[in-house]
């Protein structure tokens, strides 16, 4: 069964940024330009079995998912980081990464569409 499509937690975004669409847009841009390319590096680290760097990079990018309202991805990202850092079991790490990767691939278009909506004149 394919993983559920990630959704933006709009209530969480309002809690973080209030009614400041420009600040939200800045965070979305940074996510698209920085976090998603960094996410793609995780697959290379997994193939190389470089679990220390995989855990460190996951730790680095994990907060940015929540900062753009993708709060449902926080727990699996945290588990990926924990396993990579403290219990480097390649089978479990690969399984979590595969499931997360399918969800993260859906995130780019979702965030991009929301960014375009925010930029439309009201």
PDB file of N, CA and C in Angstrom:
ATOM      1  N   UNK A   1       0.842  -1.179   0.000  1.00  0.00           N
ATOM      2  CA  UNK A   1       0.000   0.000   0.000  1.00  0.00           C
ATOM      3  C   UNK A   1       0.888   1.244   0.000  1.00  0.00           C
ATOM      4  N   UNK A   2       0.654   2.191  -0.918  1.00  0.00           N
ATOM      5  CA  UNK A   2       1.492   3.387  -0.959  1.00  0.00           C
ATOM      6  C   UNK A   2       1.265   4.260   0.268  1.00  0.00           C
ATOM      7  N   UNK A   3       2.302   4.977   0.683  1.00  0.00           N
ATOM      8  CA  UNK A   3       2.151   5.845   1.856  1.00  0.00           C
ATOM      9  C   UNK A   3       1.171   6.972   1.559  1.00  0.00           C
ATOM     10  N   UNK A   4       0.542   7.462   2.618  1.00  0.00           N
ATOM     11  CA  UNK A   4      -0.402   8.566   2.436  1.00  0.00           C
ATOM     12  C   UNK A   4       0.344   9.811   1.966  1.00  0.00           C
ATOM     13  N   UNK A   5      -0.357  10.624   1.218  1.00  0.00           N
ATOM     14  CA  UNK A   5       0.239  11.872   0.737  1.00  0.00           C
ATOM     15  C   UNK A   5       0.391  12.833   1.909  1.00  0.00           C
ATOM     16  N   UNK A   6       1.547  13.462   2.025  1.00  0.00           N
ATOM     17  CA  UNK A   6       1.730  14.442   3.092  1.00  0.00           C
ATOM     18  C   UNK A   6       0.777  15.628   2.907  1.00  0.00           C
ATOM     19  N   UNK A   7       0.393  16.214   3.998  1.00  0.00           N
ATOM     20  CA  UNK A   7      -0.478  17.388   3.959  1.00  0.00           C
ATOM     21  C   UNK A   7       0.154  18.490   4.794  1.00  0.00           C
ATOM     22  N   UNK A   8      -0.141  19.712   4.412  1.00  0.00           N
ATOM     23  CA  UNK A   8       0.347  20.854   5.176  1.00  0.00           C
ATOM     24  C   UNK A   8      -0.541  21.048   6.402  1.00  0.00           C
ATOM     25  N   UNK A   9       0.075  21.199   7.548  1.00  0.00           N
ATOM     26  CA  UNK A   9      -0.632  21.472   8.785  1.00  0.00           C
ATOM     27  C   UNK A   9      -0.788  22.989   8.881  1.00  0.00           C
ATOM     28  N   UNK A  10      -1.889  23.474   8.329  1.00  0.00           N
ATOM     29  CA  UNK A  10      -2.121  24.928   8.256  1.00  0.00           C
ATOM     30  C   UNK A  10      -2.273  25.558   9.638  1.00  0.00           C
ATOM     31  N   UNK A  11      -2.858  24.837  10.579  1.00  0.00           N
ATOM     32  CA  UNK A  11      -2.995  25.363  11.941  1.00  0.00           C
ATOM     33  C   UNK A  11      -1.609  25.580  12.554  1.00  0.00           C
ATOM     34  N   UNK A  12      -0.706  24.640  12.320  1.00  0.00           N
ATOM     35  CA  UNK A  12       0.657  24.772  12.839  1.00  0.00           C
ATOM     36  C   UNK A  12       1.370  25.956  12.181  1.00  0.00           C
ATOM     37  N   UNK A  13       1.172  26.130  10.878  1.00  0.00           N
ATOM     38  CA  UNK A  13       1.777  27.274  10.175  1.00  0.00           C
ATOM     39  C   UNK A  13       1.262  28.595  10.738  1.00  0.00           C
ATOM     40  N   UNK A  14      -0.050  28.678  11.017  1.00  0.00           N
ATOM     41  CA  UNK A  14      -0.614  29.901  11.613  1.00  0.00           C
ATOM     42  C   UNK A  14      -0.023  30.145  12.991  1.00  0.00           C
ATOM     43  N   UNK A  15       0.177  29.050  13.738  1.00  0.00           N
ATOM     44  CA  UNK A  15       0.756  29.159  15.078  1.00  0.00           C
ATOM     45  C   UNK A  15       2.188  29.704  14.998  1.00  0.00           C
ATOM     46  N   UNK A  16       2.959  29.228  14.018  1.00  0.00           N
ATOM     47  CA  UNK A  16       4.348  29.659  13.866  1.00  0.00           C
ATOM     48  C   UNK A  16       4.478  31.073  13.316  1.00  0.00           C
ATOM     49  N   UNK A  17       3.721  31.361  12.273  1.00  0.00           N
ATOM     50  CA  UNK A  17       3.947  32.586  11.499  1.00  0.00           C
ATOM     51  C   UNK A  17       2.804  33.590  11.569  1.00  0.00           C
ATOM     52  N   UNK A  18       1.758  33.281  12.302  1.00  0.00           N
ATOM     53  CA  UNK A  18       0.628  34.195  12.372  1.00  0.00           C
ATOM     54  C   UNK A  18       0.027  34.384  10.994  1.00  0.00           C
ATOM     55  N   UNK A  19      -0.280  35.612  10.675  1.00  0.00           N
ATOM     56  CA  UNK A  19      -0.868  35.922   9.374  1.00  0.00           C
ATOM     57  C   UNK A  19       0.160  36.605   8.480  1.00  0.00           C
ATOM     58  N   UNK A  20       1.389  36.104   8.478  1.00  0.00           N
ATOM     59  CA  UNK A  20       2.461  36.696   7.676  1.00  0.00           C
ATOM     60  C   UNK A  20       2.787  35.792   6.487  1.00  0.00           C
ATOM     61  N   UNK A  21       2.050  35.959   5.374  1.00  0.00           N
ATOM     62  CA  UNK A  21       2.281  35.077   4.227  1.00  0.00           C
ATOM     63  C   UNK A  21       3.681  35.243   3.630  1.00  0.00           C
ATOM     64  N   UNK A  22       4.281  36.398   3.792  1.00  0.00           N
ATOM     65  CA  UNK A  22       5.628  36.596   3.235  1.00  0.00           C
ATOM     66  C   UNK A  22       6.652  35.742   3.976  1.00  0.00           C
ATOM     67  N   UNK A  23       6.524  35.647   5.283  1.00  0.00           N
ATOM     68  CA  UNK A  23       7.435  34.813   6.055  1.00  0.00           C
ATOM     69  C   UNK A  23       7.252  33.333   5.688  1.00  0.00           C
ATOM     70  N   UNK A  24       6.005  32.916   5.528  1.00  0.00           N
ATOM     71  CA  UNK A  24       5.727  31.539   5.108  1.00  0.00           C
ATOM     72  C   UNK A  24       6.352  31.294   3.742  1.00  0.00           C
ATOM     73  N   UNK A  25       6.202  32.245   2.820  1.00  0.00           N
ATOM     74  CA  UNK A  25       6.764  32.101   1.474  1.00  0.00           C
ATOM     75  C   UNK A  25       8.287  31.956   1.528  1.00  0.00           C
ATOM     76  N   UNK A  26       8.933  32.722   2.385  1.00  0.00           N
ATOM     77  CA  UNK A  26      10.398  32.632   2.533  1.00  0.00           C
ATOM     78  C   UNK A  26      10.789  31.227   3.012  1.00  0.00           C
ATOM     79  N   UNK A  27      10.051  30.696   3.975  1.00  0.00           N
ATOM     80  CA  UNK A  27      10.344  29.355   4.489  1.00  0.00           C
ATOM     81  C   UNK A  27      10.118  28.301   3.405  1.00  0.00           C
ATOM     82  N   UNK A  28       9.038  28.449   2.633  1.00  0.00           N
ATOM     83  CA  UNK A  28       8.758  27.495   1.554  1.00  0.00           C
ATOM     84  C   UNK A  28       9.860  27.532   0.500  1.00  0.00           C
ATOM     85  N   UNK A  29      10.314  28.735   0.147  1.00  0.00           N
ATOM     86  CA  UNK A  29      11.399  28.859  -0.838  1.00  0.00           C
ATOM     87  C   UNK A  29      12.665  28.173  -0.346  1.00  0.00           C
ATOM     88  N   UNK A  30      13.017  28.413   0.901  1.00  0.00           N
ATOM     89  CA  UNK A  30      14.217  27.797   1.459  1.00  0.00           C
ATOM     90  C   UNK A  30      14.079  26.271   1.475  1.00  0.00           C
ATOM     91  N   UNK A  31      12.907  25.793   1.793  1.00  0.00           N
ATOM     92  CA  UNK A  31      12.668  24.350   1.799  1.00  0.00           C
ATOM     93  C   UNK A  31      12.880  23.759   0.406  1.00  0.00           C
ATOM     94  N   UNK A  32      12.295  24.407  -0.589  1.00  0.00           N
ATOM     95  CA  UNK A  32      12.406  23.906  -1.971  1.00  0.00           C
ATOM     96  C   UNK A  32      13.840  23.989  -2.494  1.00  0.00           C
ATOM     97  N   UNK A  33      14.534  25.065  -2.161  1.00  0.00           N
ATOM     98  CA  UNK A  33      15.866  25.296  -2.718  1.00  0.00           C
ATOM     99  C   UNK A  33      16.981  24.603  -1.933  1.00  0.00           C
ATOM    100  N   UNK A  34      16.766  24.356  -0.645  1.00  0.00           N
ATOM    101  CA  UNK A  34      17.839  23.799   0.183  1.00  0.00           C
ATOM    102  C   UNK A  34      17.520  22.412   0.734  1.00  0.00           C
ATOM    103  N   UNK A  35      16.369  22.274   1.363  1.00  0.00           N
ATOM    104  CA  UNK A  35      16.066  21.017   2.046  1.00  0.00           C
ATOM    105  C   UNK A  35      15.852  19.866   1.075  1.00  0.00           C
ATOM    106  N   UNK A  36      15.059  20.074   0.031  1.00  0.00           N
ATOM    107  CA  UNK A  36      14.802  18.969  -0.882  1.00  0.00           C
ATOM    108  C   UNK A  36      16.075  18.474  -1.571  1.00  0.00           C
ATOM    109  N   UNK A  37      16.968  19.345  -2.039  1.00  0.00           N
ATOM    110  CA  UNK A  37      18.229  18.819  -2.573  1.00  0.00           C
ATOM    111  C   UNK A  37      19.047  18.060  -1.526  1.00  0.00           C
ATOM    112  N   UNK A  38      19.031  18.534  -0.283  1.00  0.00           N
ATOM    113  CA  UNK A  38      19.747  17.817   0.774  1.00  0.00           C
ATOM    114  C   UNK A  38      19.111  16.446   1.024  1.00  0.00           C
ATOM    115  N   UNK A  39      17.786  16.385   0.954  1.00  0.00           N
ATOM    116  CA  UNK A  39      17.101  15.107   1.131  1.00  0.00           C
ATOM    117  C   UNK A  39      17.632  14.092   0.123  1.00  0.00           C
ATOM    118  N   UNK A  40      17.820  14.522  -1.114  1.00  0.00           N
ATOM    119  CA  UNK A  40      18.287  13.605  -2.157  1.00  0.00           C
ATOM    120  C   UNK A  40      19.664  13.034  -1.841  1.00  0.00           C
ATOM    121  N   UNK A  41      20.462  13.735  -1.057  1.00  0.00           N
ATOM    122  CA  UNK A  41      21.784  13.225  -0.663  1.00  0.00           C
ATOM    123  C   UNK A  41      21.688  12.036   0.295  1.00  0.00           C
ATOM    124  N   UNK A  42      20.559  11.901   0.995  1.00  0.00           N
ATOM    125  CA  UNK A  42      20.420  10.796   1.942  1.00  0.00           C
ATOM    126  C   UNK A  42      20.511   9.441   1.247  1.00  0.00           C
ATOM    127  N   UNK A  43      19.969   9.337   0.042  1.00  0.00           N
ATOM    128  CA  UNK A  43      20.016   8.061  -0.679  1.00  0.00           C
ATOM    129  C   UNK A  43      21.461   7.647  -0.951  1.00  0.00           C
ATOM    130  N   UNK A  44      22.300   8.613  -1.311  1.00  0.00           N
ATOM    131  CA  UNK A  44      23.718   8.307  -1.550  1.00  0.00           C
ATOM    132  C   UNK A  44      24.392   7.831  -0.267  1.00  0.00           C
ATOM    133  N   UNK A  45      24.089   8.482   0.846  1.00  0.00           N
ATOM    134  CA  UNK A  45      24.675   8.085   2.124  1.00  0.00           C
ATOM    135  C   UNK A  45      24.192   6.698   2.538  1.00  0.00           C
ATOM    136  N   UNK A  46      22.947   6.398   2.245  1.00  0.00           N
ATOM    137  CA  UNK A  46      22.407   5.077   2.562  1.00  0.00           C
ATOM    138  C   UNK A  46      23.106   4.006   1.728  1.00  0.00           C
ATOM    139  N   UNK A  47      23.261   4.257   0.431  1.00  0.00           N
ATOM    140  CA  UNK A  47      23.957   3.297  -0.434  1.00  0.00           C
ATOM    141  C   UNK A  47      25.394   3.065   0.029  1.00  0.00           C
ATOM    142  N   UNK A  48      26.039   4.131   0.500  1.00  0.00           N
ATOM    143  CA  UNK A  48      27.423   4.038   0.977  1.00  0.00           C
ATOM    144  C   UNK A  48      27.501   3.461   2.394  1.00  0.00           C
ATOM    145  N   UNK A  49      26.339   3.246   3.023  1.00  0.00           N
ATOM    146  CA  UNK A  49      26.272   2.770   4.407  1.00  0.00           C
ATOM    147  C   UNK A  49      26.998   3.713   5.364  1.00  0.00           C
ATOM    148  N   UNK A  50      26.929   5.009   5.035  1.00  0.00           N
ATOM    149  CA  UNK A  50      27.538   6.035   5.876  1.00  0.00           C
ATOM    150  C   UNK A  50      26.470   6.527   6.861  1.00  0.00           C
ATOM    151  N   UNK A  51      26.195   5.699   7.854  1.00  0.00           N
ATOM    152  CA  UNK A  51      25.097   5.977   8.772  1.00  0.00           C
ATOM    153  C   UNK A  51      25.341   7.181   9.658  1.00  0.00           C
ATOM    154  N   UNK A  52      26.594   7.448   9.998  1.00  0.00           N
ATOM    155  CA  UNK A  52      26.892   8.623  10.828  1.00  0.00           C
ATOM    156  C   UNK A  52      26.497   9.900  10.084  1.00  0.00           C
ATOM    157  N   UNK A  53      26.892  10.014   8.846  1.00  0.00           N
ATOM    158  CA  UNK A  53      26.536  11.219   8.068  1.00  0.00           C
ATOM    159  C   UNK A  53      25.050  11.239   7.737  1.00  0.00           C
ATOM    160  N   UNK A  54      24.459  10.081   7.502  1.00  0.00           N
ATOM    161  CA  UNK A  54      23.026  10.017   7.233  1.00  0.00           C
ATOM    162  C   UNK A  54      22.250  10.531   8.444  1.00  0.00           C
ATOM    163  N   UNK A  55      22.652  10.108   9.631  1.00  0.00           N
ATOM    164  CA  UNK A  55      21.998  10.583  10.850  1.00  0.00           C
ATOM    165  C   UNK A  55      22.192  12.066  11.062  1.00  0.00           C
ATOM    166  N   UNK A  56      23.400  12.555  10.803  1.00  0.00           N
ATOM    167  CA  UNK A  56      23.677  13.980  10.977  1.00  0.00           C
ATOM    168  C   UNK A  56      22.878  14.830   9.991  1.00  0.00           C
ATOM    169  N   UNK A  57      22.802  14.395   8.737  1.00  0.00           N
ATOM    170  CA  UNK A  57      22.053  15.160   7.742  1.00  0.00           C
ATOM    171  C   UNK A  57      20.557  15.112   8.035  1.00  0.00           C
ATOM    172  N   UNK A  58      20.066  13.968   8.458  1.00  0.00           N
ATOM    173  CA  UNK A  58      18.651  13.870   8.828  1.00  0.00           C
ATOM    174  C   UNK A  58      18.356  14.817   9.987  1.00  0.00           C
ATOM    175  N   UNK A  59      19.247  14.855  10.966  1.00  0.00           N
ATOM    176  CA  UNK A  59      19.082  15.772  12.100  1.00  0.00           C
ATOM    177  C   UNK A  59      19.042  17.225  11.620  1.00  0.00           C
ATOM    178  N   UNK A  60      19.875  17.554  10.672  1.00  0.00           N
ATOM    179  CA  UNK A  60      19.966  18.922  10.164  1.00  0.00           C
ATOM    180  C   UNK A  60      18.694  19.341   9.428  1.00  0.00           C
ATOM    181  N   UNK A  61      18.131  18.470   8.613  1.00  0.00           N
ATOM    182  CA  UNK A  61      16.987  18.883   7.789  1.00  0.00           C
ATOM    183  C   UNK A  61      15.630  18.600   8.428  1.00  0.00           C
ATOM    184  N   UNK A  62      15.601  17.763   9.445  1.00  0.00           N
ATOM    185  CA  UNK A  62      14.332  17.374  10.086  1.00  0.00           C
ATOM    186  C   UNK A  62      13.471  18.577  10.496  1.00  0.00           C
ATOM    187  N   UNK A  63      14.017  19.593  11.148  1.00  0.00           N
ATOM    188  CA  UNK A  63      13.158  20.706  11.583  1.00  0.00           C
ATOM    189  C   UNK A  63      12.513  21.476  10.430  1.00  0.00           C
ATOM    190  N   UNK A  64      13.162  21.483   9.282  1.00  0.00           N
ATOM    191  CA  UNK A  64      12.615  22.280   8.178  1.00  0.00           C
ATOM    192  C   UNK A  64      11.307  21.700   7.656  1.00  0.00           C
ATOM    193  N   UNK A  65      11.106  20.407   7.813  1.00  0.00           N
ATOM    194  CA  UNK A  65       9.840  19.813   7.387  1.00  0.00           C
ATOM    195  C   UNK A  65       8.699  20.371   8.235  1.00  0.00           C
ATOM    196  N   UNK A  66       8.909  20.455   9.541  1.00  0.00           N
ATOM    197  CA  UNK A  66       7.876  21.030  10.405  1.00  0.00           C
ATOM    198  C   UNK A  66       7.705  22.519  10.138  1.00  0.00           C
ATOM    199  N   UNK A  67       8.785  23.199   9.823  1.00  0.00           N
ATOM    200  CA  UNK A  67       8.718  24.648   9.609  1.00  0.00           C
ATOM    201  C   UNK A  67       7.915  25.024   8.373  1.00  0.00           C
ATOM    202  N   UNK A  68       7.653  24.056   7.494  1.00  0.00           N
ATOM    203  CA  UNK A  68       6.772  24.319   6.354  1.00  0.00           C
ATOM    204  C   UNK A  68       5.445  23.591   6.510  1.00  0.00           C
ATOM    205  N   UNK A  69       5.158  23.136   7.737  1.00  0.00           N
ATOM    206  CA  UNK A  69       3.855  22.549   8.022  1.00  0.00           C
ATOM    207  C   UNK A  69       3.739  21.067   7.728  1.00  0.00           C
ATOM    208  N   UNK A  70       4.843  20.394   7.458  1.00  0.00           N
ATOM    209  CA  UNK A  70       4.809  18.957   7.187  1.00  0.00           C
ATOM    210  C   UNK A  70       5.077  18.178   8.477  1.00  0.00           C
ATOM    211  N   UNK A  71       4.240  18.436   9.449  1.00  0.00           N
ATOM    212  CA  UNK A  71       4.441  17.895  10.791  1.00  0.00           C
ATOM    213  C   UNK A  71       4.273  16.380  10.849  1.00  0.00           C
ATOM    214  N   UNK A  72       3.511  15.797   9.935  1.00  0.00           N
ATOM    215  CA  UNK A  72       3.330  14.336   9.930  1.00  0.00           C
ATOM    216  C   UNK A  72       4.634  13.598   9.640  1.00  0.00           C
ATOM    217  N   UNK A  73       5.595  14.270   9.036  1.00  0.00           N
ATOM    218  CA  UNK A  73       6.856  13.622   8.682  1.00  0.00           C
ATOM    219  C   UNK A  73       7.890  13.692   9.815  1.00  0.00           C
ATOM    220  N   UNK A  74       7.598  14.454  10.863  1.00  0.00           N
ATOM    221  CA  UNK A  74       8.577  14.622  11.942  1.00  0.00           C
ATOM    222  C   UNK A  74       8.933  13.292  12.622  1.00  0.00           C
ATOM    223  N   UNK A  75       7.937  12.530  13.034  1.00  0.00           N
ATOM    224  CA  UNK A  75       8.214  11.280  13.763  1.00  0.00           C
ATOM    225  C   UNK A  75       9.006  10.279  12.919  1.00  0.00           C
ATOM    226  N   UNK A  76       8.629  10.024  11.648  1.00  0.00           N
ATOM    227  CA  UNK A  76       9.454   9.079  10.884  1.00  0.00           C
ATOM    228  C   UNK A  76      10.864   9.606  10.602  1.00  0.00           C
ATOM    229  N   UNK A  77      11.009  10.918  10.428  1.00  0.00           N
ATOM    230  CA  UNK A  77      12.350  11.481  10.258  1.00  0.00           C
ATOM    231  C   UNK A  77      13.169  11.300  11.531  1.00  0.00           C
ATOM    232  N   UNK A  78      12.526  11.497  12.661  1.00  0.00           N
ATOM    233  CA  UNK A  78      13.212  11.318  13.942  1.00  0.00           C
ATOM    234  C   UNK A  78      13.649   9.865  14.112  1.00  0.00           C
ATOM    235  N   UNK A  79      12.797   8.933  13.694  1.00  0.00           N
ATOM    236  CA  UNK A  79      13.154   7.518  13.795  1.00  0.00           C
ATOM    237  C   UNK A  79      14.311   7.180  12.848  1.00  0.00           C
ATOM    238  N   UNK A  80      14.298   7.744  11.648  1.00  0.00           N
ATOM    239  CA  UNK A  80      15.400   7.534  10.708  1.00  0.00           C
ATOM    240  C   UNK A  80      16.707   8.042  11.314  1.00  0.00           C
ATOM    241  N   UNK A  81      16.661   9.220  11.889  1.00  0.00           N
ATOM    242  CA  UNK A  81      17.852   9.785  12.527  1.00  0.00           C
ATOM    243  C   UNK A  81      18.331   8.901  13.679  1.00  0.00           C
ATOM    244  N   UNK A  82      17.406   8.483  14.536  1.00  0.00           N
ATOM    245  CA  UNK A  82      17.763   7.667  15.697  1.00  0.00           C
ATOM    246  C   UNK A  82      18.428   6.361  15.270  1.00  0.00           C
ATOM    247  N   UNK A  83      17.824   5.701  14.307  1.00  0.00           N
ATOM    248  CA  UNK A  83      18.400   4.434  13.843  1.00  0.00           C
ATOM    249  C   UNK A  83      19.778   4.645  13.232  1.00  0.00           C
ATOM    250  N   UNK A  84      19.897   5.660  12.387  1.00  0.00           N
ATOM    251  CA  UNK A  84      21.182   5.899  11.717  1.00  0.00           C
ATOM    252  C   UNK A  84      22.276   6.216  12.732  1.00  0.00           C
ATOM    253  N   UNK A  85      21.928   6.949  13.756  1.00  0.00           N
ATOM    254  CA  UNK A  85      22.932   7.361  14.736  1.00  0.00           C
ATOM    255  C   UNK A  85      23.248   6.288  15.775  1.00  0.00           C
ATOM    256  N   UNK A  86      22.222   5.563  16.224  1.00  0.00           N
ATOM    257  CA  UNK A  86      22.407   4.713  17.396  1.00  0.00           C
ATOM    258  C   UNK A  86      22.187   3.221  17.170  1.00  0.00           C
ATOM    259  N   UNK A  87      21.447   2.861  16.138  1.00  0.00           N
ATOM    260  CA  UNK A  87      21.179   1.451  15.847  1.00  0.00           C
ATOM    261  C   UNK A  87      21.261   1.235  14.340  1.00  0.00           C
ATOM    262  N   UNK A  88      22.430   1.366  13.765  1.00  0.00           N
ATOM    263  CA  UNK A  88      22.536   1.335  12.309  1.00  0.00           C
ATOM    264  C   UNK A  88      22.199  -0.037  11.699  1.00  0.00           C
ATOM    265  N   UNK A  89      20.908  -0.316  11.646  1.00  0.00           N
ATOM    266  CA  UNK A  89      20.392  -1.542  11.038  1.00  0.00           C
ATOM    267  C   UNK A  89      20.007  -1.201   9.599  1.00  0.00           C
ATOM    268  N   UNK A  90      20.824  -1.607   8.629  1.00  0.00           N
ATOM    269  CA  UNK A  90      20.583  -1.218   7.232  1.00  0.00           C
ATOM    270  C   UNK A  90      19.192  -1.573   6.717  1.00  0.00           C
ATOM    271  N   UNK A  91      18.651  -2.708   7.120  1.00  0.00           N
ATOM    272  CA  UNK A  91      17.341  -3.131   6.625  1.00  0.00           C
ATOM    273  C   UNK A  91      16.248  -2.192   7.138  1.00  0.00           C
ATOM    274  N   UNK A  92      16.258  -1.892   8.423  1.00  0.00           N
ATOM    275  CA  UNK A  92      15.236  -0.998   8.989  1.00  0.00           C
ATOM    276  C   UNK A  92      15.400   0.429   8.463  1.00  0.00           C
ATOM    277  N   UNK A  93      16.639   0.883   8.371  1.00  0.00           N
ATOM    278  CA  UNK A  93      16.886   2.235   7.879  1.00  0.00           C
ATOM    279  C   UNK A  93      16.417   2.360   6.433  1.00  0.00           C
ATOM    280  N   UNK A  94      16.731   1.372   5.631  1.00  0.00           N
ATOM    281  CA  UNK A  94      16.314   1.419   4.225  1.00  0.00           C
ATOM    282  C   UNK A  94      14.794   1.394   4.102  1.00  0.00           C
ATOM    283  N   UNK A  95      14.121   0.606   4.920  1.00  0.00           N
ATOM    284  CA  UNK A  95      12.661   0.545   4.877  1.00  0.00           C
ATOM    285  C   UNK A  95      12.042   1.897   5.227  1.00  0.00           C
ATOM    286  N   UNK A  96      12.530   2.533   6.277  1.00  0.00           N
ATOM    287  CA  UNK A  96      12.006   3.843   6.670  1.00  0.00           C
ATOM    288  C   UNK A  96      12.322   4.878   5.595  1.00  0.00           C
ATOM    289  N   UNK A  97      13.542   4.846   5.080  1.00  0.00           N
ATOM    290  CA  UNK A  97      13.918   5.804   4.047  1.00  0.00           C
ATOM    291  C   UNK A  97      13.053   5.629   2.806  1.00  0.00           C
ATOM    292  N   UNK A  98      12.792   4.403   2.402  1.00  0.00           N
ATOM    293  CA  UNK A  98      11.978   4.148   1.214  1.00  0.00           C
ATOM    294  C   UNK A  98      10.577   4.724   1.375  1.00  0.00           C
ATOM    295  N   UNK A  99       9.976   4.486   2.537  1.00  0.00           N
ATOM    296  CA  UNK A  99       8.635   5.018   2.783  1.00  0.00           C
ATOM    297  C   UNK A  99       8.645   6.547   2.831  1.00  0.00           C
ATOM    298  N   UNK A 100       9.620   7.104   3.538  1.00  0.00           N
ATOM    299  CA  UNK A 100       9.728   8.561   3.613  1.00  0.00           C
ATOM    300  C   UNK A 100       9.999   9.165   2.238  1.00  0.00           C
ATOM    301  N   UNK A 101      10.858   8.526   1.473  1.00  0.00           N
ATOM    302  CA  UNK A 101      11.217   9.060   0.163  1.00  0.00           C
ATOM    303  C   UNK A 101       9.981   9.166  -0.728  1.00  0.00           C
ATOM    304  N   UNK A 102       9.109   8.191  -0.676  1.00  0.00           N
ATOM    305  CA  UNK A 102       7.875   8.246  -1.465  1.00  0.00           C
ATOM    306  C   UNK A 102       7.024   9.444  -1.051  1.00  0.00           C
ATOM    307  N   UNK A 103       6.997   9.732   0.237  1.00  0.00           N
ATOM    308  CA  UNK A 103       6.224  10.881   0.714  1.00  0.00           C
ATOM    309  C   UNK A 103       6.912  12.197   0.363  1.00  0.00           C
ATOM    310  N   UNK A 104       8.220  12.250   0.544  1.00  0.00           N
ATOM    311  CA  UNK A 104       8.956  13.489   0.275  1.00  0.00           C
ATOM    312  C   UNK A 104       8.860  13.856  -1.203  1.00  0.00           C
ATOM    313  N   UNK A 105       8.796  12.873  -2.080  1.00  0.00           N
ATOM    314  CA  UNK A 105       8.668  13.158  -3.513  1.00  0.00           C
ATOM    315  C   UNK A 105       7.351  13.863  -3.836  1.00  0.00           C
ATOM    316  N   UNK A 106       6.365  13.693  -2.979  1.00  0.00           N
ATOM    317  CA  UNK A 106       5.079  14.369  -3.166  1.00  0.00           C
ATOM    318  C   UNK A 106       5.081  15.777  -2.567  1.00  0.00           C
ATOM    319  N   UNK A 107       6.045  16.042  -1.730  1.00  0.00           N
ATOM    320  CA  UNK A 107       6.098  17.297  -0.981  1.00  0.00           C
ATOM    321  C   UNK A 107       6.458  18.482  -1.870  1.00  0.00           C
ATOM    322  N   UNK A 108       7.413  18.314  -2.759  1.00  0.00           N
ATOM    323  CA  UNK A 108       7.848  19.423  -3.613  1.00  0.00           C
ATOM    324  C   UNK A 108       6.690  20.092  -4.327  1.00  0.00           C
ATOM    325  N   UNK A 109       5.899  19.339  -5.091  1.00  0.00           N
ATOM    326  CA  UNK A 109       4.757  19.953  -5.776  1.00  0.00           C
ATOM    327  C   UNK A 109       3.740  20.569  -4.813  1.00  0.00           C
ATOM    328  N   UNK A 110       3.548  19.948  -3.663  1.00  0.00           N
ATOM    329  CA  UNK A 110       2.615  20.475  -2.665  1.00  0.00           C
ATOM    330  C   UNK A 110       3.076  21.837  -2.150  1.00  0.00           C
ATOM    331  N   UNK A 111       4.335  21.924  -1.770  1.00  0.00           N
ATOM    332  CA  UNK A 111       4.885  23.180  -1.253  1.00  0.00           C
ATOM    333  C   UNK A 111       4.953  24.224  -2.359  1.00  0.00           C
ATOM    334  N   UNK A 112       5.327  23.817  -3.555  1.00  0.00           N
ATOM    335  CA  UNK A 112       5.389  24.742  -4.693  1.00  0.00           C
ATOM    336  C   UNK A 112       4.014  25.330  -4.987  1.00  0.00           C
ATOM    337  N   UNK A 113       2.981  24.504  -4.979  1.00  0.00           N
ATOM    338  CA  UNK A 113       1.618  24.988  -5.234  1.00  0.00           C
ATOM    339  C   UNK A 113       1.185  25.973  -4.151  1.00  0.00           C
ATOM    340  N   UNK A 114       1.505  25.675  -2.911  1.00  0.00           N
ATOM    341  CA  UNK A 114       1.147  26.582  -1.813  1.00  0.00           C
ATOM    342  C   UNK A 114       1.928  27.889  -1.923  1.00  0.00           C
ATOM    343  N   UNK A 115       3.181  27.810  -2.329  1.00  0.00           N
ATOM    344  CA  UNK A 115       3.988  29.010  -2.511  1.00  0.00           C
ATOM    345  C   UNK A 115       3.376  29.892  -3.594  1.00  0.00           C
ATOM    346  N   UNK A 116       2.964  29.295  -4.692  1.00  0.00           N
ATOM    347  CA  UNK A 116       2.322  30.071  -5.762  1.00  0.00           C
ATOM    348  C   UNK A 116       1.028  30.712  -5.275  1.00  0.00           C
ATOM    349  N   UNK A 117       0.267  29.981  -4.477  1.00  0.00           N
ATOM    350  CA  UNK A 117      -0.977  30.529  -3.919  1.00  0.00           C
ATOM    351  C   UNK A 117      -0.681  31.734  -3.031  1.00  0.00           C
ATOM    352  N   UNK A 118       0.373  31.626  -2.218  1.00  0.00           N
ATOM    353  CA  UNK A 118       0.737  32.730  -1.317  1.00  0.00           C
ATOM    354  C   UNK A 118       1.175  33.976  -2.086  1.00  0.00           C
ATOM    355  N   UNK A 119       1.772  33.772  -3.232  1.00  0.00           N
ATOM    356  CA  UNK A 119       2.279  34.897  -4.023  1.00  0.00           C
ATOM    357  C   UNK A 119       1.222  35.584  -4.869  1.00  0.00           C
ATOM    358  N   UNK A 120       0.057  34.979  -4.990  1.00  0.00           N
ATOM    359  CA  UNK A 120      -1.011  35.603  -5.757  1.00  0.00           C
ATOM    360  C   UNK A 120      -1.538  36.825  -5.041  1.00  0.00           C
ATOM    361  N   UNK A 121      -1.763  37.881  -5.793  1.00  0.00           N
ATOM    362  CA  UNK A 121      -2.327  39.077  -5.139  1.00  0.00           C
ATOM    363  C   UNK A 121      -3.713  38.788  -4.589  1.00  0.00           C
ATOM    364  N   UNK A 122      -3.978  39.373  -3.440  1.00  0.00           N
ATOM    365  CA  UNK A 122      -5.279  39.150  -2.813  1.00  0.00           C
ATOM    366  C   UNK A 122      -6.242  40.269  -3.075  1.00  0.00           C
TER     367      UNK A 122
END
